[in-house]
Amino acid sequence: MGRPLWFVAGAGVGVYAAARARRAAEALTADGLRDRLRGLQVGARLFAEELHQGRAERETELREQLGLRPTGTPSSGAVSRLAPLAPQPPKR
């Protein structure tokens, strides 16, 4: 029973190695490298969007906590100045 077992194990390892080699060779072609680059670009864009969204949410939270509101037009491209809000009664 030893020889058939080793034969099947060797055949399985050979099929696995051939599949891995084919994937590695495919990844190193021009199309494979282009796909990887596009994947990296999409990942970087998603990361930047998440970062921007989190920053905007945190800024809103801080403005509410500090009682500040933006002044000026945000579409002007200039950094908006912050002005204090009217005093609010303490929360109970």
Protein backbone atom coordinates (compact mmCIF):
# COMPACT_ATOMS: atom_id res chain seq x y z
CA MET A 1 0.00 0.00 0.00
CA GLY A 2 3.00 2.30 0.29
CA ARG A 3 3.80 2.76 -3.40
CA PRO A 4 0.30 3.80 -4.60
CA LEU A 5 0.06 6.27 -1.72
CA TRP A 6 3.37 7.92 -2.66
CA PHE A 7 2.41 7.93 -6.33
CA VAL A 8 -0.88 9.76 -5.59
CA ALA A 9 0.89 12.18 -3.23
CA GLY A 10 3.55 12.93 -5.86
CA ALA A 11 0.95 13.45 -8.57
CA GLY A 12 -0.98 15.83 -6.30
CA VAL A 13 2.14 17.85 -5.54
CA GLY A 14 2.98 17.98 -9.24
CA VAL A 15 -0.47 19.30 -10.19
CA TYR A 16 -0.31 21.88 -7.40
CA ALA A 17 3.18 23.04 -8.44
CA ALA A 18 2.15 23.31 -12.10
CA ALA A 19 -0.89 25.42 -11.20
CA ARG A 20 1.20 27.73 -9.00
CA ALA A 21 3.84 28.10 -11.73
CA ARG A 22 1.16 28.95 -14.30
CA ARG A 23 -0.31 31.64 -12.02
CA ALA A 24 3.14 33.11 -11.34
CA ALA A 25 3.98 33.22 -15.06
CA GLU A 26 0.61 34.81 -15.82
CA ALA A 27 1.16 37.47 -13.16
CA LEU A 28 4.45 38.49 -14.75
CA THR A 29 2.98 39.15 -18.20
CA ALA A 30 2.12 42.68 -19.32
CA ASP A 31 -1.60 42.08 -18.75
CA GLY A 32 -0.96 40.58 -15.32
CA LEU A 33 1.21 43.50 -14.23
CA ARG A 34 -1.36 45.96 -15.59
CA ASP A 35 -4.10 44.24 -13.59
CA ARG A 36 -2.02 44.40 -10.42
CA LEU A 37 -1.29 48.10 -10.99
CA ARG A 38 -4.99 48.83 -11.52
CA GLY A 39 -5.79 46.94 -8.34
CA LEU A 40 -3.28 49.03 -6.41
CA GLN A 41 -4.74 52.23 -7.86
CA VAL A 42 -8.28 51.24 -6.89
CA GLY A 43 -7.10 50.33 -3.39
CA ALA A 44 -5.28 53.64 -2.99
CA ARG A 45 -8.34 55.58 -4.20
CA LEU A 46 -10.63 53.73 -1.79
CA PHE A 47 -8.20 54.34 1.06
CA ALA A 48 -8.02 58.07 0.25
CA GLU A 49 -11.83 58.32 0.12
CA GLU A 50 -12.17 56.56 3.49
CA LEU A 51 -9.51 58.81 4.98
CA HIS A 52 -11.25 61.95 3.66
CA GLN A 53 -14.63 60.80 4.95
CA GLY A 54 -13.24 60.00 8.40
CA ARG A 55 -11.43 63.32 8.56
CA ALA A 56 -14.61 65.22 7.64
CA GLU A 57 -16.65 63.32 10.25
CA ARG A 58 -14.07 63.98 12.94
CA GLU A 59 -13.86 67.66 12.00
CA THR A 60 -17.64 67.94 12.32
CA GLU A 61 -17.52 66.25 15.73
CA LEU A 62 -14.79 68.60 16.93
CA ARG A 63 -16.64 71.68 15.66
CA GLU A 64 -19.75 70.59 17.53
CA GLN A 65 -17.78 69.92 20.71
CA LEU A 66 -15.96 73.26 20.54
CA GLY A 67 -18.98 75.26 19.43
CA LEU A 68 -17.40 76.48 16.20
CA ARG A 69 -18.99 76.98 12.81
CA PRO A 70 -17.35 77.58 9.42
CA THR A 71 -17.40 81.05 7.87
CA GLY A 72 -16.80 82.00 4.26
CA THR A 73 -17.54 79.96 1.18
CA PRO A 74 -16.08 76.45 1.08
CA SER A 75 -16.04 76.48 -2.73
CA SER A 76 -13.51 79.32 -2.83
CA GLY A 77 -10.67 76.88 -2.24
CA ALA A 78 -9.33 78.96 0.62
CA VAL A 79 -9.11 77.58 4.12
CA SER A 80 -12.25 78.55 5.96
CA ARG A 81 -11.94 80.50 9.18
CA LEU A 82 -13.80 79.36 12.25
CA ALA A 83 -16.04 81.70 14.25
CA PRO A 84 -17.52 80.89 17.63
CA LEU A 85 -21.21 80.10 17.82
CA ALA A 86 -23.55 81.97 20.10
CA PRO A 87 -23.29 80.68 23.67
CA GLN A 88 -25.52 77.70 24.28
CA PRO A 89 -27.07 76.70 27.57
CA PRO A 90 -25.39 73.71 29.23
CA LYS A 91 -26.80 70.32 28.39
CA ARG A 92 -28.56 68.43 31.15
